[in-house]
Amino acid sequence: MAEIWRDIPDYVGLYQASNLGRIKSLPRVVIGGKGKAQDVPGGILKHSKDSYGYHVVSLCNSTGKAKTKVCKVHRLILAAFRGKSTLMGRHLDDDKDNNALVNLEYGTGKDNAADRTRNGTKVGATGADNGAAKLDEPKVKVIKERLAKGDSARSIAKAYSVSPSAILKIKNGETWSAV
């Protein structure tokens, strides 16, 4: 597939997005802090990830005092090829690393939930199915046995590298109640 570049709204003449999921800056001349003109070469921007795992880039406008804004790559690509929208940007395959235009669409939260169901991505995964879980069923069974024996939440928490409040939630049936 050929790579197609389009201007990004609000950054026309400064940055472009590609249908393959890349963002580039365009060559331009900027006025530095001391009023001196400076050539800025264009080039493909490196992505980083935000705390939710979305690819982001920092864009700078050149109107007046430069302001840098961290932008989600998939939103920039959708804006460049489909126009700006207040709807959420969806990864159709639920892969946040796949920012190709063919994998992106605008939609509602309901549409996004349907994508997760279609793709087999669990919504609200609990217990060991939650990727952030530090405990699994066998460990929770042992924790419940230790609680029944009278061991303190603090000593159990230390043994499993979790917080005492996590142990108390198990004890009170707020979490891991199915075990």
Foldseek 3Di string as FASTA:
>chain_A
DDWDWFAFPVQVQAKIAILQQWIKGDWDWAQDPVRDIDTDHMDIFDWDADPVGFTWDWDWHRDDDIDIDIDGSLQRNCCRPPNHDPFDKEQLLNDNVGSRNVRIDGDHPVVNVVSCVVNVNDDPDAAPRPPPDLDHDVLLVVLQVCVVVPDQLCVSCVVSVHDSVVSVCSVVCVGPVVD
